[in-house]
């Protein structure tokens, strides 16, 4: 991504913080969702296990 030699320095300086903040904003909810999904899946798996044992 960072090997654009022709792009002006000003554009680069204005672009990078924006993309990093956007990436951060897009990344955090995804991580939260993944952990919540994992928890839900583990819970369901646990319940299935307990139900099958009865």
N, C-alpha and C. Protein backbone atom coordinates (compact mmCIF):
# COMPACT_ATOMS: atom_id res chain seq x y z
N UNK A 1 0.82 -1.21 0.00
CA UNK A 1 0.00 0.00 0.00
C UNK A 1 0.85 1.27 0.00
N UNK A 2 1.98 1.22 0.70
CA UNK A 2 2.77 2.45 0.92
C UNK A 2 3.83 2.66 -0.15
N UNK A 3 3.79 1.93 -1.28
CA UNK A 3 4.83 2.08 -2.30
C UNK A 3 4.38 2.95 -3.46
N UNK A 4 3.41 3.85 -3.22
CA UNK A 4 3.02 4.80 -4.26
C UNK A 4 3.99 5.98 -4.24
N UNK A 5 4.95 5.96 -5.16
CA UNK A 5 5.98 7.01 -5.18
C UNK A 5 5.44 8.28 -5.82
N UNK A 6 4.51 8.13 -6.78
CA UNK A 6 4.02 9.28 -7.53
C UNK A 6 3.07 10.16 -6.70
N UNK A 7 2.47 9.59 -5.67
CA UNK A 7 1.50 10.37 -4.90
C UNK A 7 2.21 11.46 -4.11
N UNK A 8 1.65 12.66 -4.06
CA UNK A 8 2.27 13.77 -3.32
C UNK A 8 2.28 13.52 -1.83
N UNK A 9 3.22 14.18 -1.15
CA UNK A 9 3.40 13.95 0.28
C UNK A 9 2.19 14.46 1.06
N UNK A 10 1.63 15.59 0.62
CA UNK A 10 0.49 16.17 1.33
C UNK A 10 -0.68 15.20 1.33
N UNK A 11 -0.93 14.59 0.16
CA UNK A 11 -2.03 13.63 0.06
C UNK A 11 -1.81 12.48 1.03
N UNK A 12 -0.56 11.99 1.05
CA UNK A 12 -0.22 10.88 1.93
C UNK A 12 -0.48 11.26 3.39
N UNK A 13 -0.01 12.45 3.77
CA UNK A 13 -0.12 12.86 5.17
C UNK A 13 -1.60 12.99 5.55
N UNK A 14 -2.42 13.49 4.63
CA UNK A 14 -3.84 13.65 4.93
C UNK A 14 -4.56 12.30 4.90
N UNK A 15 -4.04 11.38 4.11
CA UNK A 15 -4.74 10.12 3.90
C UNK A 15 -4.51 9.15 5.06
N UNK A 16 -3.29 9.05 5.53
CA UNK A 16 -2.94 7.98 6.46
C UNK A 16 -3.72 8.00 7.78
N UNK A 17 -3.81 9.15 8.47
CA UNK A 17 -4.54 9.15 9.74
C UNK A 17 -6.01 8.76 9.53
N UNK A 18 -6.59 9.22 8.42
CA UNK A 18 -7.99 8.90 8.14
C UNK A 18 -8.18 7.40 8.01
N UNK A 19 -7.34 6.77 7.18
CA UNK A 19 -7.49 5.34 6.96
C UNK A 19 -7.25 4.58 8.26
N UNK A 20 -6.25 5.00 9.03
CA UNK A 20 -5.95 4.29 10.27
C UNK A 20 -7.14 4.38 11.23
N UNK A 21 -7.74 5.58 11.33
CA UNK A 21 -8.88 5.74 12.23
C UNK A 21 -10.06 4.91 11.73
N UNK A 22 -10.26 4.91 10.41
CA UNK A 22 -11.36 4.11 9.84
C UNK A 22 -11.12 2.64 10.11
N UNK A 23 -9.88 2.20 9.90
CA UNK A 23 -9.56 0.79 10.15
C UNK A 23 -9.84 0.44 11.61
N UNK A 24 -9.40 1.33 12.50
CA UNK A 24 -9.61 1.09 13.93
C UNK A 24 -11.11 0.97 14.22
N UNK A 25 -11.87 1.94 13.65
CA UNK A 25 -13.31 1.97 13.92
C UNK A 25 -13.97 0.70 13.35
N UNK A 26 -13.50 0.25 12.19
CA UNK A 26 -14.10 -0.94 11.59
C UNK A 26 -13.63 -2.22 12.30
N UNK A 27 -12.45 -2.15 12.90
CA UNK A 27 -11.86 -3.36 13.48
C UNK A 27 -12.51 -3.69 14.82
N UNK A 28 -12.70 -2.69 15.67
CA UNK A 28 -13.14 -2.96 17.04
C UNK A 28 -14.50 -3.66 17.12
N UNK A 29 -15.52 -3.16 16.41
CA UNK A 29 -16.82 -3.84 16.48
C UNK A 29 -16.72 -5.27 15.96
N UNK A 30 -15.90 -5.49 14.94
CA UNK A 30 -15.75 -6.84 14.40
C UNK A 30 -15.18 -7.76 15.47
N UNK A 31 -14.16 -7.28 16.19
CA UNK A 31 -13.58 -8.10 17.26
C UNK A 31 -14.62 -8.39 18.33
N UNK A 32 -15.37 -7.35 18.71
CA UNK A 32 -16.43 -7.55 19.71
C UNK A 32 -17.41 -8.60 19.24
N UNK A 33 -17.82 -8.47 17.97
CA UNK A 33 -18.80 -9.40 17.43
C UNK A 33 -18.25 -10.82 17.45
N UNK A 34 -16.97 -10.95 17.08
CA UNK A 34 -16.38 -12.28 17.02
C UNK A 34 -16.38 -12.91 18.42
N UNK A 35 -15.99 -12.13 19.43
CA UNK A 35 -15.93 -12.69 20.78
C UNK A 35 -17.34 -13.06 21.24
N UNK A 36 -18.32 -12.19 20.96
CA UNK A 36 -19.69 -12.48 21.39
C UNK A 36 -20.20 -13.73 20.67
N UNK A 37 -19.87 -13.85 19.38
CA UNK A 37 -20.29 -15.05 18.63
C UNK A 37 -19.65 -16.30 19.22
N UNK A 38 -18.37 -16.18 19.58
CA UNK A 38 -17.67 -17.33 20.18
C UNK A 38 -18.35 -17.72 21.48
N UNK A 39 -18.66 -16.72 22.31
CA UNK A 39 -19.32 -17.01 23.59
C UNK A 39 -20.65 -17.71 23.34
N UNK A 40 -21.41 -17.17 22.36
CA UNK A 40 -22.73 -17.74 22.09
C UNK A 40 -22.57 -19.18 21.62
N UNK A 41 -21.57 -19.39 20.72
CA UNK A 41 -21.37 -20.74 20.16
C UNK A 41 -20.96 -21.70 21.28
N UNK A 42 -20.07 -21.25 22.16
CA UNK A 42 -19.64 -22.11 23.26
C UNK A 42 -20.82 -22.44 24.15
N UNK A 43 -21.66 -21.43 24.44
CA UNK A 43 -22.84 -21.67 25.28
C UNK A 43 -23.73 -22.72 24.63
N UNK A 44 -24.01 -22.54 23.33
CA UNK A 44 -24.91 -23.48 22.64
C UNK A 44 -24.29 -24.87 22.64
N UNK A 45 -22.97 -24.95 22.40
CA UNK A 45 -22.30 -26.25 22.40
C UNK A 45 -22.42 -26.89 23.77
N UNK A 46 -22.22 -26.08 24.82
CA UNK A 46 -22.31 -26.59 26.19
C UNK A 46 -23.71 -27.12 26.46
N UNK A 47 -24.72 -26.35 26.05
CA UNK A 47 -26.11 -26.77 26.29
C UNK A 47 -26.42 -28.05 25.52
N UNK A 48 -25.92 -28.13 24.27
CA UNK A 48 -26.17 -29.34 23.48
C UNK A 48 -25.54 -30.54 24.18
N UNK A 49 -24.32 -30.34 24.70
CA UNK A 49 -23.62 -31.43 25.40
C UNK A 49 -24.45 -31.89 26.60
N UNK A 50 -24.89 -30.93 27.41
CA UNK A 50 -25.64 -31.28 28.63
C UNK A 50 -26.96 -31.94 28.25
N UNK A 51 -27.60 -31.46 27.19
CA UNK A 51 -28.88 -32.04 26.78
C UNK A 51 -28.69 -33.46 26.26
N UNK A 52 -27.57 -33.71 25.59
CA UNK A 52 -27.33 -35.05 25.04
C UNK A 52 -27.01 -36.05 26.15
N UNK A 53 -26.45 -35.56 27.25
CA UNK A 53 -26.07 -36.47 28.34
C UNK A 53 -27.32 -36.98 29.07
N UNK A 54 -28.38 -36.20 29.09
CA UNK A 54 -29.57 -36.62 29.84
C UNK A 54 -30.24 -37.83 29.19
